[in-house]
C-alpha atoms as a PDB file:
ATOM      1  CA  UNK A   1     106.879  38.914  70.684  1.00  0.00           C
ATOM      2  CA  UNK A   2     109.179  36.000  71.448  1.00  0.00           C
ATOM      3  CA  UNK A   3     106.535  33.122  72.090  1.00  0.00           C
ATOM      4  CA  UNK A   4     107.541  30.731  74.924  1.00  0.00           C
ATOM      5  CA  UNK A   5     107.974  27.257  73.390  1.00  0.00           C
ATOM      6  CA  UNK A   6     107.600  25.527  76.598  1.00  0.00           C
ATOM      7  CA  UNK A   7     104.200  27.126  77.459  1.00  0.00           C
ATOM      8  CA  UNK A   8     102.996  26.530  73.923  1.00  0.00           C
ATOM      9  CA  UNK A   9     103.981  22.614  74.041  1.00  0.00           C
ATOM     10  CA  UNK A  10     102.363  22.148  77.546  1.00  0.00           C
ATOM     11  CA  UNK A  11      99.213  24.004  76.239  1.00  0.00           C
ATOM     12  CA  UNK A  12      99.115  21.847  73.422  1.00  0.00           C
ATOM     13  CA  UNK A  13      99.302  18.667  75.133  1.00  0.00           C
ATOM     14  CA  UNK A  14      97.163  19.753  78.089  1.00  0.00           C
ATOM     15  CA  UNK A  15      93.679  18.286  77.873  1.00  0.00           C
ATOM     16  CA  UNK A  16      91.693  20.468  80.334  1.00  0.00           C
ATOM     17  CA  UNK A  17      88.605  19.367  82.191  1.00  0.00           C
ATOM     18  CA  UNK A  18      86.315  18.410  79.125  1.00  0.00           C
ATOM     19  CA  UNK A  19      89.330  16.412  77.542  1.00  0.00           C
ATOM     20  CA  UNK A  20      89.956  14.463  80.885  1.00  0.00           C
ATOM     21  CA  UNK A  21      86.136  13.597  80.958  1.00  0.00           C
ATOM     22  CA  UNK A  22      86.142  12.704  77.086  1.00  0.00           C
ATOM     23  CA  UNK A  23      89.240  10.290  77.828  1.00  0.00           C
ATOM     24  CA  UNK A  24      87.462   8.804  81.367  1.00  0.00           C
ATOM     25  CA  UNK A  25      84.271   8.381  79.100  1.00  0.00           C
ATOM     26  CA  UNK A  26      85.897   6.448  76.280  1.00  0.00           C
ATOM     27  CA  UNK A  27      88.826   4.633  78.424  1.00  0.00           C
ATOM     28  CA  UNK A  28      87.108   1.112  77.382  1.00  0.00           C
ATOM     29  CA  UNK A  29      87.346   2.116  74.109  1.00  0.00           C
ATOM     30  CA  UNK A  30      90.936   3.296  74.078  1.00  0.00           C
ATOM     31  CA  UNK A  31      91.849   0.066  75.856  1.00  0.00           C
ATOM     32  CA  UNK A  32      90.289  -1.766  73.043  1.00  0.00           C
ATOM     33  CA  UNK A  33      92.120   0.250  70.285  1.00  0.00           C
ATOM     34  CA  UNK A  34      95.589  -0.273  72.244  1.00  0.00           C
ATOM     35  CA  UNK A  35      94.590  -4.215  72.447  1.00  0.00           C
ATOM     36  CA  UNK A  36      94.198  -4.036  68.376  1.00  0.00           C
ATOM     37  CA  UNK A  37      97.409  -1.997  67.767  1.00  0.00           C
ATOM     38  CA  UNK A  38      99.171  -5.053  70.037  1.00  0.00           C
ATOM     39  CA  UNK A  39      97.627  -7.687  67.988  1.00  0.00           C
ATOM     40  CA  UNK A  40      98.494  -5.807  64.797  1.00  0.00           C
ATOM     41  CA  UNK A  41     101.948  -5.503  66.085  1.00  0.00           C
ATOM     42  CA  UNK A  42     102.161  -9.199  67.308  1.00  0.00           C
ATOM     43  CA  UNK A  43     100.769 -10.284  63.847  1.00  0.00           C
ATOM     44  CA  UNK A  44     103.220  -8.428  61.744  1.00  0.00           C
ATOM     45  CA  UNK A  45     106.158  -9.994  63.749  1.00  0.00           C
ATOM     46  CA  UNK A  46     104.575 -13.465  63.648  1.00  0.00           C
ATOM     47  CA  UNK A  47     104.156 -13.268  59.862  1.00  0.00           C
ATOM     48  CA  UNK A  48     107.619 -11.685  59.283  1.00  0.00           C
ATOM     49  CA  UNK A  49     109.141 -15.073  61.050  1.00  0.00           C
ATOM     50  CA  UNK A  50     107.207 -17.394  58.920  1.00  0.00           C
ATOM     51  CA  UNK A  51     107.978 -15.633  55.841  1.00  0.00           C
ATOM     52  CA  UNK A  52     111.750 -16.001  57.247  1.00  0.00           C
ATOM     53  CA  UNK A  53     111.052 -19.507  57.888  1.00  0.00           C
ATOM     54  CA  UNK A  54     109.488 -19.855  54.304  1.00  0.00           C
ATOM     55  CA  UNK A  55     112.600 -18.691  52.720  1.00  0.00           C
ATOM     56  CA  UNK A  56     114.759 -20.996  54.446  1.00  0.00           C
ATOM     57  CA  UNK A  57     112.747 -23.963  53.930  1.00  0.00           C
ATOM     58  CA  UNK A  58     112.571 -23.064  50.057  1.00  0.00           C
ATOM     59  CA  UNK A  59     116.377 -22.703  50.069  1.00  0.00           C
ATOM     60  CA  UNK A  60     116.811 -26.117  51.825  1.00  0.00           C
ATOM     61  CA  UNK A  61     114.320 -27.796  49.420  1.00  0.00           C
ATOM     62  CA  UNK A  62     116.395 -26.247  46.330  1.00  0.00           C
ATOM     63  CA  UNK A  63     119.484 -27.572  47.974  1.00  0.00           C
ATOM     64  CA  UNK A  64     118.096 -31.160  48.497  1.00  0.00           C
ATOM     65  CA  UNK A  65     116.484 -31.232  44.951  1.00  0.00           C
ATOM     66  CA  UNK A  66     120.059 -30.496  43.548  1.00  0.00           C
ATOM     67  CA  UNK A  67     121.547 -33.114  45.488  1.00  0.00           C
ATOM     68  CA  UNK A  68     118.849 -35.688  44.539  1.00  0.00           C
ATOM     69  CA  UNK A  69     119.249 -35.005  40.943  1.00  0.00           C
ATOM     70  CA  UNK A  70     122.846 -35.152  41.038  1.00  0.00           C
ATOM     71  CA  UNK A  71     122.675 -38.741  43.055  1.00  0.00           C
ATOM     72  CA  UNK A  72     120.414 -40.042  40.401  1.00  0.00           C
ATOM     73  CA  UNK A  73     122.709 -39.235  37.699  1.00  0.00           C
ATOM     74  CA  UNK A  74     125.464 -40.919  39.316  1.00  0.00           C
ATOM     75  CA  UNK A  75     123.373 -44.014  39.751  1.00  0.00           C
ATOM     76  CA  UNK A  76     122.056 -43.982  36.349  1.00  0.00           C
ATOM     77  CA  UNK A  77     125.754 -43.827  35.166  1.00  0.00           C
ATOM     78  CA  UNK A  78     126.906 -46.517  37.591  1.00  0.00           C
ATOM     79  CA  UNK A  79     124.163 -48.834  36.464  1.00  0.00           C
ATOM     80  CA  UNK A  80     124.918 -48.833  32.972  1.00  0.00           C
ATOM     81  CA  UNK A  81     125.192 -52.137  31.347  1.00  0.00           C
ATOM     82  CA  UNK A  82     128.860 -51.540  30.275  1.00  0.00           C
ATOM     83  CA  UNK A  83     129.847 -50.127  33.721  1.00  0.00           C
ATOM     84  CA  UNK A  84     128.302 -53.212  35.229  1.00  0.00           C
ATOM     85  CA  UNK A  85     130.084 -55.517  32.905  1.00  0.00           C
ATOM     86  CA  UNK A  86     133.434 -54.098  33.859  1.00  0.00           C
ATOM     87  CA  UNK A  87     132.711 -54.307  37.534  1.00  0.00           C
ATOM     88  CA  UNK A  88     131.619 -58.002  37.326  1.00  0.00           C
ATOM     89  CA  UNK A  89     134.759 -58.753  34.930  1.00  0.00           C
ATOM     90  CA  UNK A  90     136.984 -58.232  38.118  1.00  0.00           C
ATOM     91  CA  UNK A  91     134.773 -60.955  39.559  1.00  0.00           C
ATOM     92  CA  UNK A  92     135.324 -63.461  36.530  1.00  0.00           C
ATOM     93  CA  UNK A  93     131.923 -63.378  35.625  1.00  0.00           C
ATOM     94  CA  UNK A  94     131.096 -62.393  31.714  1.00  0.00           C
ATOM     95  CA  UNK A  95     128.123 -61.865  29.707  1.00  0.00           C
ATOM     96  CA  UNK A  96     126.654 -64.968  28.006  1.00  0.00           C
ATOM     97  CA  UNK A  97     126.275 -64.986  24.356  1.00  0.00           C
ATOM     98  CA  UNK A  98     123.903 -68.399  24.609  1.00  0.00           C
ATOM     99  CA  UNK A  99     120.171 -67.749  23.784  1.00  0.00           C
ATOM    100  CA  UNK A 100     117.836 -67.280  26.683  1.00  0.00           C
ATOM    101  CA  UNK A 101     115.481 -70.029  27.196  1.00  0.00           C
ATOM    102  CA  UNK A 102     112.369 -70.150  29.596  1.00  0.00           C
ATOM    103  CA  UNK A 103     112.034 -73.111  32.208  1.00  0.00           C
ATOM    104  CA  UNK A 104     108.610 -74.376  32.216  1.00  0.00           C
ATOM    105  CA  UNK A 105     107.060 -76.795  34.906  1.00  0.00           C
END
């Protein structure tokens, strides 16, 4: 009562004359389906690579934003009036206490 597995697998995959005729009759349709599957796989690969690139660029933008904010903060600190006054004091310049006047033509 043992079933021969090789023959049952061979019988499962054998198409017979009717199956062979059906495959040959629909060969163009099968090629079209294979073509669509290839396009689907290529599109999935393309979209995955684009998503990876988007994540990398997002991380780079975040890093550059943090660097920009850090530099902006540093520049704001360096351009405070008290900081500039200390820097120009070394050059011998000082703040004038005289009233500002307008030169007219």
